Amino acid sequence: MYAVKPFVKEKIKEKDRTCRVLALVGDTQVGLWVVRNLAMNGLTVHSIVKSKYGQPAHSRYSASAWVMETPTHSPEFIDEIKELAQLLDVGSIMPVAEAYHNVLIDVRDQFEPDVHLFSPARECFDKATDKDYMQALCRELGVPVAKGMRLDEFMSDKTALKFPLVFRTRRQNISGGQAPWKAAYAEDEVQLQKVHEQVRDFADNIIVQEYCPGAEDHVQVMMHKGEPFMVGDYIGEHHMPLAGGVTTQRISCHHQPLIDDAVKLFKAIGYEGLGGVQYHYDPETDEYIFLEINPRFIGGTPTLIMAGFNTSFLFWQSHFEPEKMKKTTYRLGLRSRILGGDANWMIGMIRGDQLPPGQKRLGKIETMLRFLWNSFPWTKDDSFMWRDPKPFFVDFIQMAKKLGAQRHDIIGNPESQDSKS
């Protein structure tokens, strides 16, 4: 490991070690806001980033920033984390991405009880990330879900589902067998065969469902002692890739039926801590279907925190000072975006990238005007903050280099970045 922002002890007031957090946050705005939210509430945060360009590494709210020199799934990675936790004398470790959780959960006993790990229990994590299990649970609990099955099963009986179809990876946290896209679509037999060719060797790890129209609605829940302590949700307005990817522009909202079903699912699997549920929601009909559970901070974390949901600080409090946890007002209608990601959305819309079935393509002028309209102060930026401007400018330079890319990881998935190293 090596420091990209060295730890200067003299500049930091000494505190109880429980107030020192080692946050595995990656390079992007999700981790940046995890760090900001913790530090703005009085904690000392040491960040683990993927590179010297990581946004949290340039934030005034990171007491230090470090890069691990070994891949996430290697035994040496755990040794580096243990060494760093001891060096900085932290009281807890807070991972952001599923890949970090998946690795650290298995070695929890090497840290706890001395250093608390903010990761779900293995059983809950595995249930939450198993789409087959969650689909069956939804049907059992009466949560709306699209009709679907494994792709290998469907290819043996193509009459079981009706076009259009949507495809997603069934289980992300297994070795190999991940699709090269977050979602793919087929509106006829030709497109079905094309998708199948891409994932033929691991079709048993691809789930195919009948496509339901609508926008992505994400619900983040802070489960504490079996009950929802606080909830925030938002609708994804723009995505990159257009056919299904990271939300590059979002608006905070409140849809009680979706929240109720999210809580119902978390209770059913005994989930504690911070987790998200993703739906497809049709605002015209008010109908929705369950898509997946994300046992982590979700991609719209900047929107959630700016709207008033102190996700990472509440998560920390839930273990160290639960008696001080406070609910805050969640502001509806707050819009924020990833500037570079939304620029890619604009370019993708103009050049004719694939859209989900039934979605209307905007004209070139309308697309550019919408992008420019949201460049004014009524749309927040996911990185920029007057008190902490440097991460935005560092990210702006990096995003400019990637501008026009049809696929790049906007939220900093450690698995994809490890595969590039």
Protein backbone atom coordinates (compact mmCIF):
# COMPACT_ATOMS: atom_id res chain seq x y z
CA MET A 1 0.00 0.00 0.00
CA TYR A 2 1.06 3.61 -0.42
CA ALA A 3 -0.34 6.99 0.59
CA VAL A 4 -1.64 9.41 -2.04
CA LYS A 5 -2.57 11.81 0.75
CA PRO A 6 -0.27 11.26 3.74
CA PHE A 7 -1.60 11.19 7.27
CA VAL A 8 -0.46 14.27 9.23
CA LYS A 9 -1.24 13.48 12.84
CA GLU A 10 -0.45 16.96 14.13
CA LYS A 11 -3.25 18.47 12.03
CA ILE A 12 -5.94 16.24 13.47
CA LYS A 13 -7.37 16.52 16.96
CA GLU A 14 -7.00 13.35 18.95
CA LYS A 15 -10.29 11.54 19.48
CA ASP A 16 -11.52 8.26 20.82
CA ARG A 17 -10.48 5.56 18.33
CA THR A 18 -14.15 4.71 17.70
CA CYS A 19 -14.34 8.09 15.94
CA ARG A 20 -11.67 7.04 13.45
CA VAL A 21 -13.02 5.24 10.36
CA LEU A 22 -11.18 3.42 7.58
CA ALA A 23 -13.48 3.82 4.57
CA LEU A 24 -13.05 1.67 1.44
CA VAL A 25 -14.56 4.18 -0.92
CA GLY A 26 -13.01 3.81 -4.38
CA ASP A 27 -12.51 6.78 -6.68
CA THR A 28 -15.91 8.34 -7.28
CA GLN A 29 -18.69 10.53 -5.98
CA VAL A 30 -20.42 7.79 -3.96
CA GLY A 31 -17.35 7.28 -1.80
CA LEU A 32 -16.69 11.01 -1.74
CA TRP A 33 -20.05 11.66 -0.10
CA VAL A 34 -19.61 8.77 2.32
CA VAL A 35 -16.41 10.48 3.48
CA ARG A 36 -17.95 13.95 3.54
CA ASN A 37 -20.97 12.82 5.54
CA LEU A 38 -18.83 11.09 8.17
CA ALA A 39 -16.29 13.90 8.50
CA MET A 40 -18.85 16.71 8.54
CA ASN A 41 -20.35 15.02 11.59
CA GLY A 42 -17.07 15.09 13.50
CA LEU A 43 -15.39 11.79 12.58
CA THR A 44 -11.84 11.30 11.29
CA VAL A 45 -11.95 9.43 7.99
CA HIS A 46 -9.07 7.66 6.27
CA SER A 47 -9.93 6.72 2.70
CA ILE A 48 -8.88 3.74 0.60
CA VAL A 49 -9.09 4.71 -3.06
CA LYS A 50 -8.24 2.95 -6.33
CA SER A 51 -5.82 5.52 -7.71
CA LYS A 52 -4.29 8.95 -7.17
CA TYR A 53 -7.22 10.36 -9.15
CA GLY A 54 -9.80 9.15 -6.63
CA GLN A 55 -12.16 11.94 -5.63
CA PRO A 56 -12.01 11.16 -1.88
CA ALA A 57 -8.19 11.40 -2.03
CA HIS A 58 -8.50 15.07 -2.93
CA SER A 59 -11.23 15.94 -0.43
CA ARG A 60 -10.46 18.13 2.55
CA TYR A 61 -12.58 15.68 4.53
CA SER A 62 -10.19 12.75 4.07
CA ALA A 63 -7.58 12.74 6.82
CA SER A 64 -5.47 10.51 4.57
CA ALA A 65 -5.89 8.46 1.40
CA TRP A 66 -4.30 5.14 0.47
CA VAL A 67 -4.03 2.81 -2.51
CA MET A 68 -3.81 -0.93 -1.98
CA GLU A 69 -1.19 -2.59 -4.17
CA THR A 70 -2.87 -6.01 -4.44
CA PRO A 71 -6.15 -7.09 -6.13
CA THR A 72 -9.29 -7.06 -4.00
CA HIS A 73 -9.75 -10.84 -4.04
CA SER A 74 -6.19 -11.74 -3.04
CA PRO A 75 -5.18 -12.78 0.52
CA GLU A 76 -2.55 -10.02 0.46
CA PHE A 77 -5.34 -7.43 0.16
CA ILE A 78 -6.67 -8.43 3.58
CA ASP A 79 -3.16 -8.22 5.03
CA GLU A 80 -2.84 -4.67 3.70
CA ILE A 81 -6.19 -3.67 5.22
CA LYS A 82 -5.19 -5.15 8.59
CA GLU A 83 -1.84 -3.36 8.50
CA LEU A 84 -3.45 -0.03 7.65
CA ALA A 85 -6.19 -0.41 10.30
CA GLN A 86 -3.47 -1.02 12.90
CA LEU A 87 -1.28 1.84 11.65
CA LEU A 88 -4.14 4.35 11.82
CA ASP A 89 -5.65 2.81 14.97
CA VAL A 90 -9.21 2.97 13.62
CA GLY A 91 -12.30 1.71 15.39
CA SER A 92 -14.18 0.59 12.28
CA ILE A 93 -13.99 -0.27 8.59
CA MET A 94 -16.75 0.92 6.25
CA PRO A 95 -16.80 -0.61 2.72
CA VAL A 96 -18.80 0.99 -0.08
CA ALA A 97 -18.97 -1.63 -2.85
CA GLU A 98 -20.29 -5.21 -2.87
CA ALA A 99 -16.90 -6.63 -3.89
CA TYR A 100 -15.32 -5.18 -0.74
CA HIS A 101 -18.14 -6.58 1.41
CA ASN A 102 -17.89 -10.00 -0.19
CA VAL A 103 -14.18 -10.29 0.62
CA LEU A 104 -14.23 -8.79 4.11
CA ILE A 105 -17.27 -10.68 5.40
CA ASP A 106 -15.32 -13.94 5.19
CA VAL A 107 -12.53 -12.59 7.41
CA ARG A 108 -14.71 -10.66 9.85
CA ASP A 109 -13.24 -12.51 12.81
CA GLN A 110 -9.78 -11.17 11.93
CA PHE A 111 -11.01 -7.64 12.74
CA GLU A 112 -13.85 -7.87 15.24
CA PRO A 113 -14.48 -7.15 18.04
CA ASP A 114 -11.51 -4.76 18.13
CA VAL A 115 -12.36 -3.14 14.78
CA HIS A 116 -16.02 -3.15 13.74
CA LEU A 117 -16.81 -4.11 10.14
CA PHE A 118 -19.81 -2.32 8.63
CA SER A 119 -20.84 -5.25 6.41
CA PRO A 120 -23.97 -7.43 6.52
CA ALA A 121 -23.90 -11.00 7.79
CA ARG A 122 -22.83 -13.59 5.19
CA GLU A 123 -26.24 -15.27 5.08
CA CYS A 124 -28.06 -11.97 4.50
CA PHE A 125 -25.53 -10.84 1.91
CA ASP A 126 -25.81 -14.05 -0.08
CA LYS A 127 -29.62 -13.97 -0.02
CA ALA A 128 -29.72 -10.31 -1.07
CA THR A 129 -27.37 -10.84 -4.02
CA ASP A 130 -29.06 -14.03 -5.28
CA LYS A 131 -31.65 -12.85 -7.80
CA ASP A 132 -33.30 -16.28 -7.98
CA TYR A 133 -33.82 -16.33 -4.22
CA MET A 134 -35.11 -12.75 -4.12
CA GLN A 135 -37.51 -13.35 -7.03
CA ALA A 136 -38.99 -16.34 -5.20
CA LEU A 137 -39.19 -14.36 -1.96
CA CYS A 138 -41.03 -11.54 -3.75
CA ARG A 139 -43.64 -13.98 -5.04
CA GLU A 140 -44.02 -15.45 -1.56
CA LEU A 141 -44.49 -12.02 0.06
CA GLY A 142 -46.69 -10.57 -2.68
CA VAL A 143 -44.12 -8.03 -3.90
CA PRO A 144 -44.66 -7.32 -7.63
CA VAL A 145 -41.98 -8.96 -9.76
CA ALA A 146 -41.59 -9.65 -13.48
CA LYS A 147 -42.05 -13.16 -14.80
CA GLY A 148 -38.64 -14.72 -15.42
CA MET A 149 -36.23 -17.64 -15.28
CA ARG A 150 -32.60 -18.57 -15.96
CA LEU A 151 -31.49 -18.04 -19.54
CA ASP A 152 -30.37 -21.65 -20.00
CA GLU A 153 -33.86 -22.81 -18.97
CA PHE A 154 -35.55 -20.30 -21.26
CA MET A 155 -33.51 -21.38 -24.30
CA SER A 156 -35.03 -24.85 -23.85
CA ASP A 157 -38.57 -23.47 -23.79
CA LYS A 158 -38.89 -20.14 -25.60
CA THR A 159 -42.66 -20.07 -25.19
CA ALA A 160 -42.33 -19.54 -21.42
CA LEU A 161 -41.84 -15.76 -21.72
CA LYS A 162 -43.06 -13.06 -24.08
CA PHE A 163 -41.01 -10.42 -25.90
CA PRO A 164 -39.62 -7.88 -25.13
CA LEU A 165 -37.16 -9.45 -22.71
CA VAL A 166 -34.55 -8.04 -20.34
CA PHE A 167 -31.38 -9.86 -19.23
CA ARG A 168 -29.28 -9.35 -16.08
CA THR A 169 -26.53 -11.21 -14.25
CA ARG A 170 -28.10 -13.56 -11.70
CA ARG A 171 -25.32 -13.58 -9.10
CA GLN A 172 -22.60 -10.92 -9.27
CA ASN A 173 -20.38 -12.17 -6.46
CA ILE A 174 -19.12 -15.43 -7.95
CA SER A 175 -15.94 -16.11 -9.89
CA GLY A 176 -16.59 -15.59 -13.60
CA GLY A 177 -19.96 -15.62 -15.30
CA GLN A 178 -20.75 -11.89 -15.17
CA ALA A 179 -22.41 -10.34 -18.21
CA PRO A 180 -20.53 -7.51 -19.98
CA TRP A 181 -23.54 -5.23 -19.40
CA LYS A 182 -25.80 -4.29 -16.50
CA ALA A 183 -28.87 -4.98 -18.63
CA ALA A 184 -29.54 -6.11 -22.20
CA TYR A 185 -32.76 -6.39 -24.19
CA ALA A 186 -34.29 -8.51 -26.92
CA GLU A 187 -37.43 -7.57 -28.82
CA ASP A 188 -37.33 -10.54 -31.20
CA GLU A 189 -35.66 -13.89 -31.86
CA VAL A 190 -32.68 -12.33 -33.68
CA GLN A 191 -31.81 -10.09 -30.73
CA LEU A 192 -32.32 -13.00 -28.33
CA GLN A 193 -29.75 -15.09 -30.19
CA LYS A 194 -27.31 -12.19 -30.20
CA VAL A 195 -27.57 -11.80 -26.41
CA HIS A 196 -27.31 -15.55 -25.89
CA GLU A 197 -24.08 -15.70 -27.92
CA GLN A 198 -22.50 -13.16 -25.56
CA VAL A 199 -23.23 -15.23 -22.43
CA ARG A 200 -23.59 -18.76 -23.81
CA ASP A 201 -20.88 -20.22 -21.55
CA PHE A 202 -22.56 -19.04 -18.35
CA ALA A 203 -26.23 -18.80 -19.33
CA ASP A 204 -27.15 -20.43 -16.01
CA ASN A 205 -25.98 -17.22 -14.29
CA ILE A 206 -28.14 -14.93 -16.45
CA ILE A 207 -31.73 -14.21 -15.53
CA VAL A 208 -34.20 -13.31 -18.28
CA GLN A 209 -37.51 -11.58 -17.57
CA GLU A 210 -40.43 -10.11 -19.43
CA TYR A 211 -39.71 -6.40 -19.77
CA CYS A 212 -41.92 -3.95 -17.88
CA PRO A 213 -41.82 -0.25 -18.83
CA GLY A 214 -40.91 2.48 -16.40
CA ALA A 215 -38.10 4.38 -14.73
CA GLU A 216 -35.66 3.05 -12.16
CA ASP A 217 -36.71 3.89 -8.61
CA HIS A 218 -34.15 3.31 -5.86
CA VAL A 219 -34.95 3.07 -2.15
CA GLN A 220 -32.18 3.28 0.47
CA VAL A 221 -33.11 1.99 3.92
CA MET A 222 -31.29 2.22 7.25
CA MET A 223 -32.45 -0.94 9.03
CA HIS A 224 -31.79 -0.80 12.79
CA LYS A 225 -32.88 -3.48 15.25
CA GLY A 226 -35.23 -5.01 12.70
CA GLU A 227 -37.02 -1.76 11.81
CA PRO A 228 -36.45 1.00 9.23
CA PHE A 229 -34.89 3.95 11.04
CA MET A 230 -34.80 6.22 7.98
CA VAL A 231 -35.58 5.86 4.29
CA GLY A 232 -34.86 7.89 1.16
CA ASP A 233 -35.70 7.21 -2.47
CA TYR A 234 -35.09 8.71 -5.87
CA ILE A 235 -35.94 8.16 -9.53
CA GLY A 236 -33.19 7.77 -12.10
CA GLU A 237 -33.87 10.26 -14.90
CA HIS A 238 -30.78 9.55 -17.08
CA HIS A 239 -28.55 6.47 -17.31
CA MET A 240 -25.29 5.50 -18.94
CA PRO A 241 -25.26 3.22 -20.89
CA LEU A 242 -28.73 4.28 -22.03
CA ALA A 243 -29.98 0.69 -22.26
CA GLY A 244 -29.42 0.20 -18.53
CA GLY A 245 -26.58 1.40 -16.35
CA VAL A 246 -25.60 3.83 -13.63
CA THR A 247 -28.02 6.68 -12.98
CA THR A 248 -26.28 9.84 -14.12
CA GLN A 249 -29.14 12.16 -13.12
CA ARG A 250 -31.66 11.61 -10.31
CA ILE A 251 -34.45 13.33 -8.42
CA SER A 252 -35.45 12.60 -4.84
CA CYS A 253 -39.02 11.37 -4.35
CA HIS A 254 -41.29 9.42 -2.00
CA HIS A 255 -43.29 6.38 -3.07
CA GLN A 256 -44.70 4.69 0.02
CA PRO A 257 -45.72 1.35 -1.56
CA LEU A 258 -42.18 0.83 -2.85
CA ILE A 259 -40.75 1.75 0.55
CA ASP A 260 -43.13 -0.63 2.33
CA ASP A 261 -42.11 -3.51 0.06
CA ALA A 262 -38.41 -2.70 0.50
CA VAL A 263 -38.79 -2.89 4.26
CA LYS A 264 -40.81 -6.10 3.95
CA LEU A 265 -37.97 -7.73 1.99
CA PHE A 266 -35.25 -6.56 4.37
CA LYS A 267 -37.20 -7.90 7.34
CA ALA A 268 -37.74 -11.23 5.59
CA ILE A 269 -33.99 -11.83 5.19
CA GLY A 270 -33.11 -10.40 8.62
CA TYR A 271 -31.09 -7.53 7.15
CA GLU A 272 -29.41 -4.99 9.45
CA GLY A 273 -27.64 -1.82 8.35
CA LEU A 274 -27.73 0.19 5.14
CA GLY A 275 -29.16 -1.38 1.99
CA GLY A 276 -30.94 -0.43 -1.21
CA VAL A 277 -33.79 -1.85 -3.27
CA GLN A 278 -34.18 -1.15 -6.97
CA TYR A 279 -37.53 -1.16 -8.80
CA HIS A 280 -38.95 -0.41 -12.20
CA TYR A 281 -41.67 2.18 -11.61
CA ASP A 282 -44.18 3.46 -14.15
CA PRO A 283 -45.31 6.96 -13.06
CA GLU A 284 -48.21 6.88 -15.53
CA THR A 285 -49.83 3.81 -14.00
CA ASP A 286 -48.22 3.88 -10.52
CA GLU A 287 -47.30 0.23 -11.06
CA TYR A 288 -43.89 -1.18 -10.23
CA ILE A 289 -41.84 -4.37 -10.11
CA PHE A 290 -38.90 -5.43 -7.95
CA LEU A 291 -35.51 -5.64 -9.68
CA GLU A 292 -32.84 -6.32 -7.04
CA ILE A 293 -31.45 -5.64 -3.59
CA ASN A 294 -28.10 -3.87 -3.22
CA PRO A 295 -26.54 -4.62 0.21
CA ARG A 296 -24.46 -1.43 0.19
CA PHE A 297 -24.44 2.32 -0.42
CA ILE A 298 -26.32 2.83 -3.68
CA GLY A 299 -25.23 4.90 -6.68
CA GLY A 300 -27.46 7.85 -5.79
CA THR A 301 -25.79 8.38 -2.40
CA PRO A 302 -24.94 12.04 -3.27
CA THR A 303 -28.62 12.76 -3.97
CA LEU A 304 -29.71 11.04 -0.76
CA ILE A 305 -27.25 12.93 1.46
CA MET A 306 -27.88 16.30 -0.18
CA ALA A 307 -31.61 15.70 0.31
CA GLY A 308 -31.05 15.16 4.05
CA PHE A 309 -30.48 11.42 4.59
CA ASN A 310 -27.17 11.14 6.49
CA THR A 311 -26.54 7.61 5.26
CA SER A 312 -22.94 6.93 6.32
CA PHE A 313 -23.10 8.83 9.61
CA LEU A 314 -26.31 7.10 10.68
CA PHE A 315 -24.70 3.80 9.73
CA TRP A 316 -21.74 4.61 11.99
CA GLN A 317 -24.02 5.77 14.81
CA SER A 318 -26.09 2.59 14.63
CA HIS A 319 -23.14 0.70 16.11
CA PHE A 320 -21.24 3.23 18.23
CA GLU A 321 -23.91 5.59 19.56
CA PRO A 322 -27.40 4.34 18.65
CA GLU A 323 -28.97 6.42 21.40
CA LYS A 324 -27.97 9.59 19.51
CA MET A 325 -29.43 8.62 16.13
CA LYS A 326 -31.77 11.28 14.76
CA LYS A 327 -34.17 11.28 11.84
CA THR A 328 -33.84 14.27 9.55
CA THR A 329 -36.15 15.86 7.00
CA TYR A 330 -35.80 14.32 3.54
CA ARG A 331 -36.20 16.97 0.84
CA LEU A 332 -38.29 15.93 -2.16
CA GLY A 333 -37.58 17.15 -5.69
CA LEU A 334 -33.84 17.59 -5.21
CA ARG A 335 -32.09 16.83 -8.48
CA SER A 336 -28.39 15.99 -8.84
CA ARG A 337 -26.18 14.53 -11.52
CA ILE A 338 -22.73 13.25 -12.44
CA LEU A 339 -21.53 15.91 -14.86
CA GLY A 340 -19.28 13.67 -16.96
CA GLY A 341 -21.74 10.79 -16.86
CA ASP A 342 -24.59 13.04 -17.94
CA ALA A 343 -22.47 14.44 -20.76
CA ASN A 344 -22.03 10.85 -21.90
CA TRP A 345 -25.81 10.40 -21.64
CA MET A 346 -26.23 13.39 -23.98
CA ILE A 347 -23.66 12.02 -26.45
CA GLY A 348 -25.20 8.54 -26.31
CA MET A 349 -28.67 9.94 -26.99
CA ILE A 350 -27.38 12.00 -29.94
CA ARG A 351 -25.39 9.17 -31.54
CA GLY A 352 -28.27 6.71 -31.24
CA ASP A 353 -27.17 4.27 -28.53
CA GLN A 354 -29.64 1.48 -27.71
CA LEU A 355 -32.57 2.43 -25.49
CA PRO A 356 -34.78 0.14 -23.39
CA PRO A 357 -37.85 -1.14 -25.33
CA GLY A 358 -40.57 1.44 -25.78
CA GLN A 359 -38.53 4.43 -24.63
CA LYS A 360 -38.71 7.51 -26.83
CA ARG A 361 -35.47 8.91 -28.20
CA LEU A 362 -35.10 12.66 -27.72
CA GLY A 363 -34.15 14.85 -30.66
CA LYS A 364 -30.62 16.25 -30.79
CA ILE A 365 -31.63 19.81 -29.96
CA GLU A 366 -33.96 18.72 -27.15
CA THR A 367 -31.21 16.52 -25.72
CA MET A 368 -28.66 19.33 -25.70
CA LEU A 369 -31.15 21.81 -24.23
CA ARG A 370 -32.03 19.39 -21.43
CA PHE A 371 -28.36 18.90 -20.62
CA LEU A 372 -27.74 22.66 -20.57
CA TRP A 373 -30.87 23.34 -18.51
CA ASN A 374 -29.54 21.07 -15.79
CA SER A 375 -26.20 22.91 -15.78
CA PHE A 376 -27.74 25.65 -13.67
CA PRO A 377 -27.84 25.77 -9.84
CA TRP A 378 -31.27 24.12 -9.57
CA THR A 379 -29.51 20.84 -10.41
CA LYS A 380 -26.82 19.89 -7.89
CA ASP A 381 -23.52 18.38 -8.96
CA ASP A 382 -22.58 15.04 -7.40
CA SER A 383 -19.01 16.18 -6.72
CA PHE A 384 -18.92 19.96 -6.42
CA MET A 385 -19.08 21.64 -3.02
CA TRP A 386 -17.95 25.20 -2.29
CA ARG A 387 -16.19 24.07 0.90
CA ASP A 388 -14.55 21.12 -0.88
CA PRO A 389 -14.06 22.01 -4.58
CA LYS A 390 -10.91 20.07 -5.48
CA PRO A 391 -12.56 16.63 -6.06
CA PHE A 392 -14.81 18.18 -8.72
CA PHE A 393 -11.93 19.63 -10.73
CA VAL A 394 -9.87 16.43 -10.49
CA ASP A 395 -12.91 14.42 -11.61
CA PHE A 396 -13.72 16.89 -14.39
CA ILE A 397 -10.31 16.30 -15.97
CA GLN A 398 -10.70 12.51 -15.74
CA MET A 399 -14.26 12.56 -17.08
CA ALA A 400 -13.19 14.74 -20.01
CA LYS A 401 -10.73 12.01 -21.01
CA LYS A 402 -13.53 9.42 -20.96
CA LEU A 403 -16.14 11.58 -22.67
CA GLY A 404 -17.95 9.68 -25.40
CA ALA A 405 -17.21 6.22 -24.00
CA GLN A 406 -20.23 3.94 -24.30
CA ARG A 407 -19.15 1.91 -21.28
CA HIS A 408 -17.15 3.08 -18.32
CA ASP A 409 -17.59 2.56 -14.62
CA ILE A 410 -18.98 5.80 -13.26
CA ILE A 411 -19.39 4.64 -9.67
CA GLY A 412 -16.06 2.88 -9.30
CA ASN A 413 -16.77 -0.84 -9.10
CA PRO A 414 -13.61 -2.39 -7.63
CA GLU A 415 -14.03 -5.67 -9.56
CA SER A 416 -13.91 -3.93 -12.93
CA GLN A 417 -10.97 -1.80 -11.92
CA ASP A 418 -9.05 -4.77 -10.58
CA SER A 419 -9.53 -6.54 -13.90
CA LYS A 420 -7.79 -3.64 -15.65
CA SER A 421 -4.73 -3.79 -13.45
